[in-house]
C-alpha cells in the first residue's frame, strides 16, 4: 500500500482561457473526456472554469495537452 491512496472520485478545477461559447466548451470537454479515468467534465465559457471528476488524480501535463489540443490554454488550477 502506498502512502497516497485516493479512494473515490477526485474533483479538480482548472482555469482555461480562450473559451467564448458552447462550441468551445464542447471542444474542451471532448478532449479532456478522452483522458483515462475521467468520468465527467464541465467547461464554462463565461468563467473559464473547467471542472473534472476522475477516478484518481490526473497528471496536470496530460490535462494541459488535452486543453491545448482543443485550441485553448490552461492557465492554472483553480482554487
Foldseek 3Di string as FASTA:
>chain_A
DDPDDDADKDKWKFAKPDQADPVLQVLLFVLVVPDPFWDGWGADSVRSMIMTIGRDDDDVVSSQVSNVVSPIGTDGTDD
